[in-house]
Amino acid sequence: MPENHGQLMYIGLLQQVPYLALRIGIVELLKTFVYPRLPYPAEILAACGPAHAELQFWAQSVDRAIALLEKPS
């Protein structure tokens, strides 16, 4: 486990990921993670990547749909 400053950096790196993507990524990582150590932030971010990309896609789709609805006819 990282010490004081290391914990802040560790958490800071993971704060850029939305909660839902982080949760999905962690579950996927835990299914295959075999080492008796805390996963590196890069490993967690890689596991969260697909869920994060899917969330971004849906957010953009919703934004486009709202823009079309607000567009004057």
C-alpha atoms as a PDB file:
ATOM      1  CA  MET A   1       0.000   0.000   0.000  1.00  0.00           C
ATOM      2  CA  PRO A   2       1.417   3.398  -0.911  1.00  0.00           C
ATOM      3  CA  GLU A   3       2.331   5.785   1.879  1.00  0.00           C
ATOM      4  CA  ASN A   4       0.677   9.188   2.503  1.00  0.00           C
ATOM      5  CA  HIS A   5       1.716  11.116  -0.614  1.00  0.00           C
ATOM      6  CA  GLY A   6       1.527   7.959  -2.718  1.00  0.00           C
ATOM      7  CA  GLN A   7      -2.077   7.366  -1.662  1.00  0.00           C
ATOM      8  CA  LEU A   8      -3.038  10.876  -2.759  1.00  0.00           C
ATOM      9  CA  MET A   9      -1.401  10.352  -6.144  1.00  0.00           C
ATOM     10  CA  TYR A  10      -2.985   6.894  -6.507  1.00  0.00           C
ATOM     11  CA  ILE A  11      -6.473   8.253  -5.792  1.00  0.00           C
ATOM     12  CA  GLY A  12      -5.868  11.349  -7.895  1.00  0.00           C
ATOM     13  CA  LEU A  13      -5.095   9.231 -10.948  1.00  0.00           C
ATOM     14  CA  LEU A  14      -8.305   7.260 -10.510  1.00  0.00           C
ATOM     15  CA  GLN A  15     -10.531  10.311  -9.962  1.00  0.00           C
ATOM     16  CA  GLN A  16     -10.546  11.031 -13.691  1.00  0.00           C
ATOM     17  CA  VAL A  17     -12.668   7.928 -14.287  1.00  0.00           C
ATOM     18  CA  PRO A  18     -16.443   8.119 -13.730  1.00  0.00           C
ATOM     19  CA  TYR A  19     -17.660   6.015 -10.814  1.00  0.00           C
ATOM     20  CA  LEU A  20     -19.644   3.561 -12.955  1.00  0.00           C
ATOM     21  CA  ALA A  21     -16.710   2.911 -15.301  1.00  0.00           C
ATOM     22  CA  LEU A  22     -14.381   2.500 -12.321  1.00  0.00           C
ATOM     23  CA  ARG A  23     -16.726   0.026 -10.680  1.00  0.00           C
ATOM     24  CA  ILE A  24     -17.119  -2.051 -13.857  1.00  0.00           C
ATOM     25  CA  GLY A  25     -13.380  -1.961 -14.531  1.00  0.00           C
ATOM     26  CA  ILE A  26     -12.469  -3.022 -11.002  1.00  0.00           C
ATOM     27  CA  VAL A  27     -14.858  -5.978 -11.158  1.00  0.00           C
ATOM     28  CA  GLU A  28     -13.348  -7.068 -14.481  1.00  0.00           C
ATOM     29  CA  LEU A  29      -9.824  -6.621 -13.133  1.00  0.00           C
ATOM     30  CA  LEU A  30     -10.564  -8.660 -10.019  1.00  0.00           C
ATOM     31  CA  LYS A  31     -11.794 -11.559 -12.151  1.00  0.00           C
ATOM     32  CA  THR A  32      -8.300 -12.024 -13.596  1.00  0.00           C
ATOM     33  CA  PHE A  33      -5.930 -10.356 -11.102  1.00  0.00           C
ATOM     34  CA  VAL A  34      -3.725 -13.014  -9.497  1.00  0.00           C
ATOM     35  CA  TYR A  35      -0.993 -11.088  -7.734  1.00  0.00           C
ATOM     36  CA  PRO A  36      -1.065 -10.511  -3.954  1.00  0.00           C
ATOM     37  CA  ARG A  37      -0.589  -6.748  -4.301  1.00  0.00           C
ATOM     38  CA  LEU A  38      -2.587  -3.617  -4.947  1.00  0.00           C
ATOM     39  CA  PRO A  39      -3.102  -3.139  -8.710  1.00  0.00           C
ATOM     40  CA  TYR A  40      -1.171  -0.294 -10.303  1.00  0.00           C
ATOM     41  CA  PRO A  41      -3.247   2.694 -11.394  1.00  0.00           C
ATOM     42  CA  ALA A  42      -2.326   1.954 -15.022  1.00  0.00           C
ATOM     43  CA  GLU A  43      -3.784  -1.555 -14.678  1.00  0.00           C
ATOM     44  CA  ILE A  44      -6.999  -0.158 -13.213  1.00  0.00           C
ATOM     45  CA  LEU A  45      -7.281   2.540 -15.892  1.00  0.00           C
ATOM     46  CA  ALA A  46      -6.734  -0.063 -18.631  1.00  0.00           C
ATOM     47  CA  ALA A  47      -9.473  -2.263 -17.150  1.00  0.00           C
ATOM     48  CA  CYS A  48     -11.831   0.735 -16.950  1.00  0.00           C
ATOM     49  CA  GLY A  49     -11.094   1.866 -20.507  1.00  0.00           C
ATOM     50  CA  PRO A  50     -13.879   0.005 -22.357  1.00  0.00           C
ATOM     51  CA  ALA A  51     -16.585   1.014 -19.862  1.00  0.00           C
ATOM     52  CA  HIS A  52     -15.338   4.618 -19.858  1.00  0.00           C
ATOM     53  CA  ALA A  53     -15.395   4.740 -23.665  1.00  0.00           C
ATOM     54  CA  GLU A  54     -18.932   3.344 -23.724  1.00  0.00           C
ATOM     55  CA  LEU A  55     -20.121   5.929 -21.201  1.00  0.00           C
ATOM     56  CA  GLN A  56     -18.547   8.721 -23.260  1.00  0.00           C
ATOM     57  CA  PHE A  57     -20.265   7.403 -26.399  1.00  0.00           C
ATOM     58  CA  TRP A  58     -23.662   7.421 -24.701  1.00  0.00           C
ATOM     59  CA  ALA A  59     -23.111  10.873 -23.206  1.00  0.00           C
ATOM     60  CA  GLN A  60     -22.254  12.244 -26.656  1.00  0.00           C
ATOM     61  CA  SER A  61     -25.316  10.524 -28.151  1.00  0.00           C
ATOM     62  CA  VAL A  62     -27.579  12.086 -25.526  1.00  0.00           C
ATOM     63  CA  ASP A  63     -26.000  15.508 -26.095  1.00  0.00           C
ATOM     64  CA  ARG A  64     -26.620  15.208 -29.871  1.00  0.00           C
ATOM     65  CA  ALA A  65     -30.219  14.129 -29.303  1.00  0.00           C
ATOM     66  CA  ILE A  66     -30.849  17.075 -26.987  1.00  0.00           C
ATOM     67  CA  ALA A  67     -29.279  19.445 -29.499  1.00  0.00           C
ATOM     68  CA  LEU A  68     -31.584  18.077 -32.230  1.00  0.00           C
ATOM     69  CA  LEU A  69     -34.622  18.491 -29.986  1.00  0.00           C
ATOM     70  CA  GLU A  70     -33.681  22.079 -29.159  1.00  0.00           C
ATOM     71  CA  LYS A  71     -32.947  22.969 -32.769  1.00  0.00           C
ATOM     72  CA  PRO A  72     -35.637  25.287 -34.190  1.00  0.00           C
ATOM     73  CA  SER A  73     -37.637  23.768 -37.044  1.00  0.00           C
END
